[in-house]
Protein backbone atom coordinates (compact mmCIF):
# COMPACT_ATOMS: atom_id res chain seq x y z
CA UNK A 1 -26.76 -3.84 2.68
CA UNK A 2 -24.81 -5.45 -0.11
CA UNK A 3 -21.09 -5.57 0.32
CA UNK A 4 -18.93 -5.08 -2.78
CA UNK A 5 -15.85 -7.11 -2.72
CA UNK A 6 -12.95 -5.19 -4.39
CA UNK A 7 -11.27 -6.74 -7.20
CA UNK A 8 -7.84 -8.17 -6.84
CA UNK A 9 -5.39 -6.34 -9.09
CA UNK A 10 -1.97 -7.52 -10.30
CA UNK A 11 0.59 -4.69 -9.46
CA UNK A 12 3.04 -3.55 -12.10
CA UNK A 13 6.30 -5.38 -11.93
CA UNK A 14 8.18 -2.02 -11.17
CA UNK A 15 6.12 -1.27 -8.02
CA UNK A 16 7.69 -3.57 -5.63
CA UNK A 17 11.19 -2.69 -6.48
CA UNK A 18 10.38 0.95 -6.34
CA UNK A 19 8.97 0.54 -2.88
CA UNK A 20 11.92 -1.49 -1.53
CA UNK A 21 14.34 1.05 -3.11
CA UNK A 22 12.46 3.96 -1.42
CA UNK A 23 12.28 2.06 1.98
CA UNK A 24 16.05 1.20 1.84
CA UNK A 25 16.99 4.67 0.79
CA UNK A 26 15.09 5.90 3.86
CA UNK A 27 17.01 3.40 5.96
CA UNK A 28 13.78 1.90 7.17
CA UNK A 29 13.06 -1.74 7.90
CA UNK A 30 9.76 -3.33 6.67
CA UNK A 31 8.66 -3.41 10.29
CA UNK A 32 9.37 0.31 10.77
CA UNK A 33 7.34 1.17 7.66
CA UNK A 34 4.58 -1.26 8.71
CA UNK A 35 4.17 0.51 12.11
CA UNK A 36 4.30 4.03 10.50
CA UNK A 37 1.65 3.04 7.94
CA UNK A 38 -0.48 1.01 10.33
CA UNK A 39 -0.20 -2.31 8.64
CA UNK A 40 1.57 -5.62 9.32
CA UNK A 41 5.19 -6.31 8.15
CA UNK A 42 4.21 -9.23 6.02
CA UNK A 43 1.85 -6.82 4.19
CA UNK A 44 4.75 -4.47 3.21
CA UNK A 45 6.78 -7.65 2.25
CA UNK A 46 3.86 -8.72 -0.08
CA UNK A 47 3.88 -5.26 -1.58
CA UNK A 48 7.60 -5.32 -2.23
CA UNK A 49 7.32 -8.78 -3.83
CA UNK A 50 4.62 -7.53 -6.16
CA UNK A 51 1.96 -9.89 -4.70
CA UNK A 52 -0.48 -7.12 -3.69
CA UNK A 53 -1.74 -3.64 -4.52
CA UNK A 54 -2.24 -1.29 -1.65
CA UNK A 55 -5.45 0.27 -0.75
CA UNK A 56 -5.93 3.96 -1.30
CA UNK A 57 -5.36 4.69 2.39
CA UNK A 58 -2.18 2.63 2.65
CA UNK A 59 -0.88 4.08 -0.69
CA UNK A 60 -1.26 7.55 0.61
CA UNK A 61 0.47 6.57 3.95
CA UNK A 62 3.34 4.83 2.18
CA UNK A 63 3.85 7.82 -0.06
CA UNK A 64 4.20 10.10 3.04
CA UNK A 65 6.39 7.59 5.00
CA UNK A 66 8.70 6.93 2.18
CA UNK A 67 8.68 10.45 0.84
CA UNK A 68 7.72 9.26 -2.57
CA UNK A 69 7.30 11.90 -5.41
CA UNK A 70 7.28 11.72 -9.24
CA UNK A 71 6.85 8.47 -11.01
CA UNK A 72 6.90 6.24 -7.91
CA UNK A 73 4.17 8.13 -6.24
CA UNK A 74 2.11 8.36 -9.42
CA UNK A 75 2.46 4.56 -9.94
CA UNK A 76 1.45 3.84 -6.35
CA UNK A 77 -1.60 6.09 -6.65
CA UNK A 78 -2.65 4.58 -10.03
CA UNK A 79 -2.60 0.99 -8.85
CA UNK A 80 -4.32 1.63 -5.45
CA UNK A 81 -7.66 -0.20 -4.95
CA UNK A 82 -10.67 1.11 -3.17
CA UNK A 83 -10.45 0.67 0.57
CA UNK A 84 -12.00 -2.36 1.81
CA UNK A 85 -10.19 -2.85 5.09
CA UNK A 86 -11.11 -1.42 8.44
CA UNK A 87 -12.04 2.02 7.01
CA UNK A 88 -14.38 0.80 4.51
CA UNK A 89 -17.92 1.94 5.04
CA UNK A 90 -19.40 -1.59 4.77
CA UNK A 91 -17.28 -2.78 7.91
CA UNK A 92 -18.28 0.27 9.95
CA UNK A 93 -20.92 -0.40 12.68
CA UNK A 94 -24.19 1.26 12.05
């Protein structure tokens, strides 16, 4: 089975700031968001610094945890990349 490596996308400049603002408005730390989403805190930090685009699974979880709606939720969904992490079919045991 051939594994397809997902492309690395550059997130829009506004995404990181929108995520940070939503997290701070919810009075949550990066660690608390990470636990709720099921990722590490340094991953949340990279998202907020604009260094990473979330996977579809993480984007959906972030939208729920941060109660995103409107433009922020739309931007998050638009930049999300196909899942290649632990939920990716290529990484599941046969």
